[in-house]
Amino acid sequence: MRIAIGSDHAGFEYKEAIAAHLRRSGHSVTDFGAYGNQSTDYPIFIIPAAQAVVRGEAERAIVLGGSGNGEAIAANKVRGIRCALCWNLETAELSRRHNDANALSIGQRMIPLELALRIVDTWLATPFDGGRHARRIQELDCHEAGGSQKDMVAILERKSSL
């Protein structure tokens, strides 16, 4: 799988470890920085990693920071991204099964590296369940495209009548 990865300074060490882990597992990794642990601003590195997914240059993105919160927010500013902040295996699995998350955010200061690697593996291996969850993704896409609540309800009604 082609994976874009980015971090700020507070996620740099995990970014390096996760990128190496992914490469050992046979994935192609594009590193959008940061390239050291000197203080920097996360949007500079996170937004390009998320944009790579939207452009089709990567299938998924992994973004890292101290808590992962700012990185998830930054990635989710990119139209077409569904970035999930995950802190255990269950949140990683559900983000894929129910939300078809195409970006994963992890906080280096929040969890041990061994757990972060297991979260990455779980998140990459878990498929999207589709079904009722697919309708919800369509509703999100409708909103991103400028649709109204009425447009989103129409998606629900159309699915209910099938």
C-alpha atoms as a PDB file:
ATOM      1  CA  MET A   1       0.000   0.000   0.000  1.00  0.00           C
ATOM      2  CA  ARG A   2       1.159   3.566  -0.698  1.00  0.00           C
ATOM      3  CA  ILE A   3       1.175   5.560   2.537  1.00  0.00           C
ATOM      4  CA  ALA A   4       1.835   9.252   3.126  1.00  0.00           C
ATOM      5  CA  ILE A   5       3.283  10.088   6.534  1.00  0.00           C
ATOM      6  CA  GLY A   6       3.838  13.383   8.293  1.00  0.00           C
ATOM      7  CA  SER A   7       4.478  14.751  11.747  1.00  0.00           C
ATOM      8  CA  ASP A   8       5.504  17.776  13.680  1.00  0.00           C
ATOM      9  CA  HIS A   9       8.543  17.753  15.974  1.00  0.00           C
ATOM     10  CA  ALA A  10       6.577  16.084  18.785  1.00  0.00           C
ATOM     11  CA  GLY A  11       5.702  13.106  16.583  1.00  0.00           C
ATOM     12  CA  PHE A  12       9.017  12.848  14.755  1.00  0.00           C
ATOM     13  CA  GLU A  13      10.428   9.820  16.596  1.00  0.00           C
ATOM     14  CA  TYR A  14       7.268   7.738  16.083  1.00  0.00           C
ATOM     15  CA  LYS A  15       7.054   8.887  12.453  1.00  0.00           C
ATOM     16  CA  GLU A  16      10.536   7.546  11.822  1.00  0.00           C
ATOM     17  CA  ALA A  17       9.793   4.243  13.601  1.00  0.00           C
ATOM     18  CA  ILE A  18       6.425   3.785  11.887  1.00  0.00           C
ATOM     19  CA  ALA A  19       7.857   4.599   8.444  1.00  0.00           C
ATOM     20  CA  ALA A  20      10.598   2.001   8.943  1.00  0.00           C
ATOM     21  CA  HIS A  21       8.018  -0.540  10.177  1.00  0.00           C
ATOM     22  CA  LEU A  22       5.826   0.107   7.136  1.00  0.00           C
ATOM     23  CA  ARG A  23       8.723  -0.279   4.715  1.00  0.00           C
ATOM     24  CA  ARG A  24       9.759  -3.557   6.380  1.00  0.00           C
ATOM     25  CA  SER A  25       6.157  -4.715   5.896  1.00  0.00           C
ATOM     26  CA  GLY A  26       6.358  -4.004   2.155  1.00  0.00           C
ATOM     27  CA  HIS A  27       4.524  -0.673   2.004  1.00  0.00           C
ATOM     28  CA  SER A  28       5.645   2.316  -0.030  1.00  0.00           C
ATOM     29  CA  VAL A  29       6.058   5.362   2.230  1.00  0.00           C
ATOM     30  CA  THR A  30       6.258   9.025   1.245  1.00  0.00           C
ATOM     31  CA  ASP A  31       7.592  11.158   4.098  1.00  0.00           C
ATOM     32  CA  PHE A  32       6.283  14.731   4.189  1.00  0.00           C
ATOM     33  CA  GLY A  33       8.348  15.709   7.262  1.00  0.00           C
ATOM     34  CA  ALA A  34       9.126  16.959   9.792  1.00  0.00           C
ATOM     35  CA  TYR A  35      12.710  15.903   9.329  1.00  0.00           C
ATOM     36  CA  GLY A  36      13.927  16.444  12.878  1.00  0.00           C
ATOM     37  CA  ASN A  37      12.721  17.144  16.375  1.00  0.00           C
ATOM     38  CA  GLN A  38      13.258  20.909  16.263  1.00  0.00           C
ATOM     39  CA  SER A  39      10.065  22.826  17.084  1.00  0.00           C
ATOM     40  CA  THR A  40       7.858  23.314  14.044  1.00  0.00           C
ATOM     41  CA  ASP A  41       4.216  23.804  13.080  1.00  0.00           C
ATOM     42  CA  TYR A  42       2.204  20.689  12.220  1.00  0.00           C
ATOM     43  CA  PRO A  43      -0.014  22.079   9.385  1.00  0.00           C
ATOM     44  CA  ILE A  44       3.073  22.503   7.177  1.00  0.00           C
ATOM     45  CA  PHE A  45       3.632  18.731   7.147  1.00  0.00           C
ATOM     46  CA  ILE A  46       0.195  17.265   7.820  1.00  0.00           C
ATOM     47  CA  ILE A  47      -1.817  19.016   5.118  1.00  0.00           C
ATOM     48  CA  PRO A  48       0.499  17.888   2.265  1.00  0.00           C
ATOM     49  CA  ALA A  49       0.370  14.288   3.560  1.00  0.00           C
ATOM     50  CA  ALA A  50      -3.447  14.415   3.539  1.00  0.00           C
ATOM     51  CA  GLN A  51      -3.494  16.055   0.100  1.00  0.00           C
ATOM     52  CA  ALA A  52      -1.422  13.171  -1.269  1.00  0.00           C
ATOM     53  CA  VAL A  53      -4.322  10.832  -0.440  1.00  0.00           C
ATOM     54  CA  VAL A  54      -6.877  13.071  -2.127  1.00  0.00           C
ATOM     55  CA  ARG A  55      -4.676  13.382  -5.228  1.00  0.00           C
ATOM     56  CA  GLY A  56      -4.346   9.588  -5.409  1.00  0.00           C
ATOM     57  CA  GLU A  57      -0.601   9.605  -4.737  1.00  0.00           C
ATOM     58  CA  ALA A  58      -1.172   7.593  -1.554  1.00  0.00           C
ATOM     59  CA  GLU A  59      -3.968   5.304  -0.472  1.00  0.00           C
ATOM     60  CA  ARG A  60      -3.785   6.342   3.179  1.00  0.00           C
ATOM     61  CA  ALA A  61      -2.043   8.865   5.411  1.00  0.00           C
ATOM     62  CA  ILE A  62      -0.610   8.563   8.902  1.00  0.00           C
ATOM     63  CA  VAL A  63      -0.033  11.779  10.822  1.00  0.00           C
ATOM     64  CA  LEU A  64       1.634  12.211  14.197  1.00  0.00           C
ATOM     65  CA  GLY A  65       2.169  14.812  16.860  1.00  0.00           C
ATOM     66  CA  GLY A  66       2.346  15.129  20.611  1.00  0.00           C
ATOM     67  CA  SER A  67      -1.341  14.407  21.235  1.00  0.00           C
ATOM     68  CA  GLY A  68      -2.459  13.774  17.654  1.00  0.00           C
ATOM     69  CA  ASN A  69      -5.358  16.194  18.065  1.00  0.00           C
ATOM     70  CA  GLY A  70      -4.000  19.098  16.041  1.00  0.00           C
ATOM     71  CA  GLU A  71      -2.792  16.729  13.368  1.00  0.00           C
ATOM     72  CA  ALA A  72      -6.231  15.116  13.025  1.00  0.00           C
ATOM     73  CA  ILE A  73      -7.835  18.558  12.817  1.00  0.00           C
ATOM     74  CA  ALA A  74      -5.348  19.696  10.164  1.00  0.00           C
ATOM     75  CA  ALA A  75      -5.801  16.546   8.068  1.00  0.00           C
ATOM     76  CA  ASN A  76      -9.582  16.851   8.298  1.00  0.00           C
ATOM     77  CA  LYS A  77      -9.372  20.356   6.806  1.00  0.00           C
ATOM     78  CA  VAL A  78      -8.484  18.659   3.511  1.00  0.00           C
ATOM     79  CA  ARG A  79     -11.637  17.909   1.540  1.00  0.00           C
ATOM     80  CA  GLY A  80     -12.009  14.150   1.111  1.00  0.00           C
ATOM     81  CA  ILE A  81     -10.052  13.189   4.209  1.00  0.00           C
ATOM     82  CA  ARG A  82     -11.570  11.273   7.104  1.00  0.00           C
ATOM     83  CA  CYS A  83      -8.833  11.303   9.726  1.00  0.00           C
ATOM     84  CA  ALA A  84      -9.334   9.390  12.957  1.00  0.00           C
ATOM     85  CA  LEU A  85      -7.393  10.009  16.151  1.00  0.00           C
ATOM     86  CA  CYS A  86      -6.733   6.528  17.541  1.00  0.00           C
ATOM     87  CA  TRP A  87      -5.313   5.546  20.902  1.00  0.00           C
ATOM     88  CA  ASN A  88      -6.083   1.819  21.100  1.00  0.00           C
ATOM     89  CA  LEU A  89      -6.815  -1.119  18.803  1.00  0.00           C
ATOM     90  CA  GLU A  90     -10.583  -0.714  19.065  1.00  0.00           C
ATOM     91  CA  THR A  91     -10.573   2.918  17.918  1.00  0.00           C
ATOM     92  CA  ALA A  92      -8.307   1.950  15.008  1.00  0.00           C
ATOM     93  CA  GLU A  93     -10.545  -0.918  13.943  1.00  0.00           C
ATOM     94  CA  LEU A  94     -13.783   1.052  14.270  1.00  0.00           C
ATOM     95  CA  SER A  95     -12.344   4.014  12.382  1.00  0.00           C
ATOM     96  CA  ARG A  96     -11.928   1.733   9.387  1.00  0.00           C
ATOM     97  CA  ARG A  97     -15.027  -0.481   9.771  1.00  0.00           C
ATOM     98  CA  HIS A  98     -17.502   2.327  10.443  1.00  0.00           C
ATOM     99  CA  ASN A  99     -15.873   5.505   9.131  1.00  0.00           C
ATOM    100  CA  ASP A 100     -13.696   4.317   6.240  1.00  0.00           C
ATOM    101  CA  ALA A 101     -10.940   6.511   7.702  1.00  0.00           C
ATOM    102  CA  ASN A 102      -8.309   7.215   5.082  1.00  0.00           C
ATOM    103  CA  ALA A 103      -6.008   8.976   7.531  1.00  0.00           C
ATOM    104  CA  LEU A 104      -4.837   7.968  10.998  1.00  0.00           C
ATOM    105  CA  SER A 105      -3.580  10.314  13.696  1.00  0.00           C
ATOM    106  CA  ILE A 106      -1.509   9.158  16.670  1.00  0.00           C
ATOM    107  CA  GLY A 107      -0.123  11.099  19.620  1.00  0.00           C
ATOM    108  CA  GLN A 108       3.473  10.193  20.448  1.00  0.00           C
ATOM    109  CA  ARG A 109       3.127  11.537  23.980  1.00  0.00           C
ATOM    110  CA  MET A 110      -0.042   9.537  24.624  1.00  0.00           C
ATOM    111  CA  ILE A 111       0.824   5.889  23.969  1.00  0.00           C
ATOM    112  CA  PRO A 112       3.868   3.597  23.876  1.00  0.00           C
ATOM    113  CA  LEU A 113       5.544   2.966  20.518  1.00  0.00           C
ATOM    114  CA  GLU A 114       4.689  -0.756  20.577  1.00  0.00           C
ATOM    115  CA  LEU A 115       0.986   0.099  20.820  1.00  0.00           C
ATOM    116  CA  ALA A 116       1.307   2.722  18.077  1.00  0.00           C
ATOM    117  CA  LEU A 117       2.762   0.082  15.731  1.00  0.00           C
ATOM    118  CA  ARG A 118      -0.068  -2.343  16.566  1.00  0.00           C
ATOM    119  CA  ILE A 119      -2.613   0.429  15.931  1.00  0.00           C
ATOM    120  CA  VAL A 120      -1.050   1.098  12.522  1.00  0.00           C
ATOM    121  CA  ASP A 121      -1.131  -2.606  11.616  1.00  0.00           C
ATOM    122  CA  THR A 122      -4.735  -2.992  12.762  1.00  0.00           C
ATOM    123  CA  TRP A 123      -5.827   0.148  10.942  1.00  0.00           C
ATOM    124  CA  LEU A 124      -4.162  -0.923   7.692  1.00  0.00           C
ATOM    125  CA  ALA A 125      -5.577  -4.463   7.838  1.00  0.00           C
ATOM    126  CA  THR A 126      -9.176  -3.579   8.712  1.00  0.00           C
ATOM    127  CA  PRO A 127     -11.654  -3.278   5.841  1.00  0.00           C
ATOM    128  CA  PHE A 128     -14.589  -0.874   5.603  1.00  0.00           C
ATOM    129  CA  ASP A 129     -17.883  -2.596   6.481  1.00  0.00           C
ATOM    130  CA  GLY A 130     -19.979  -0.583   4.010  1.00  0.00           C
ATOM    131  CA  GLY A 131     -23.733  -1.022   4.462  1.00  0.00           C
ATOM    132  CA  ARG A 132     -25.319   1.636   6.645  1.00  0.00           C
ATOM    133  CA  HIS A 133     -21.879   3.125   7.190  1.00  0.00           C
ATOM    134  CA  ALA A 134     -21.482   3.805   3.448  1.00  0.00           C
ATOM    135  CA  ARG A 135     -24.611   5.979   3.557  1.00  0.00           C
ATOM    136  CA  ARG A 136     -23.074   8.044   6.336  1.00  0.00           C
ATOM    137  CA  ILE A 137     -19.912   8.558   4.304  1.00  0.00           C
ATOM    138  CA  GLN A 138     -22.099   9.714   1.395  1.00  0.00           C
ATOM    139  CA  GLU A 139     -23.787  12.196   3.723  1.00  0.00           C
ATOM    140  CA  LEU A 140     -20.398  13.559   4.791  1.00  0.00           C
ATOM    141  CA  ASP A 141     -19.336  13.819   1.153  1.00  0.00           C
ATOM    142  CA  CYS A 142     -22.594  15.635   0.388  1.00  0.00           C
ATOM    143  CA  HIS A 143     -21.863  18.173   3.118  1.00  0.00           C
ATOM    144  CA  GLU A 144     -18.301  18.699   1.887  1.00  0.00           C
ATOM    145  CA  ALA A 145     -19.677  19.370  -1.594  1.00  0.00           C
ATOM    146  CA  GLY A 146     -21.886  22.132  -0.201  1.00  0.00           C
ATOM    147  CA  GLY A 147     -25.049  20.089   0.227  1.00  0.00           C
ATOM    148  CA  SER A 148     -27.685  21.052   2.748  1.00  0.00           C
ATOM    149  CA  GLN A 149     -29.245  19.024   5.537  1.00  0.00           C
ATOM    150  CA  LYS A 150     -32.148  18.430   3.140  1.00  0.00           C
ATOM    151  CA  ASP A 151     -29.722  16.924   0.623  1.00  0.00           C
ATOM    152  CA  MET A 152     -28.286  14.648   3.315  1.00  0.00           C
ATOM    153  CA  VAL A 153     -31.770  13.536   4.401  1.00  0.00           C
ATOM    154  CA  ALA A 154     -32.515  12.715   0.749  1.00  0.00           C
ATOM    155  CA  ILE A 155     -29.586  10.289   0.786  1.00  0.00           C
ATOM    156  CA  LEU A 156     -31.058   8.620   3.877  1.00  0.00           C
ATOM    157  CA  GLU A 157     -34.530   8.413   2.321  1.00  0.00           C
ATOM    158  CA  ARG A 158     -33.176   7.071  -0.970  1.00  0.00           C
ATOM    159  CA  LYS A 159     -31.297   4.295   0.868  1.00  0.00           C
ATOM    160  CA  SER A 160     -34.329   3.496   3.035  1.00  0.00           C
ATOM    161  CA  SER A 161     -36.528   2.968  -0.005  1.00  0.00           C
ATOM    162  CA  LEU A 162     -34.180   0.484  -1.681  1.00  0.00           C
END
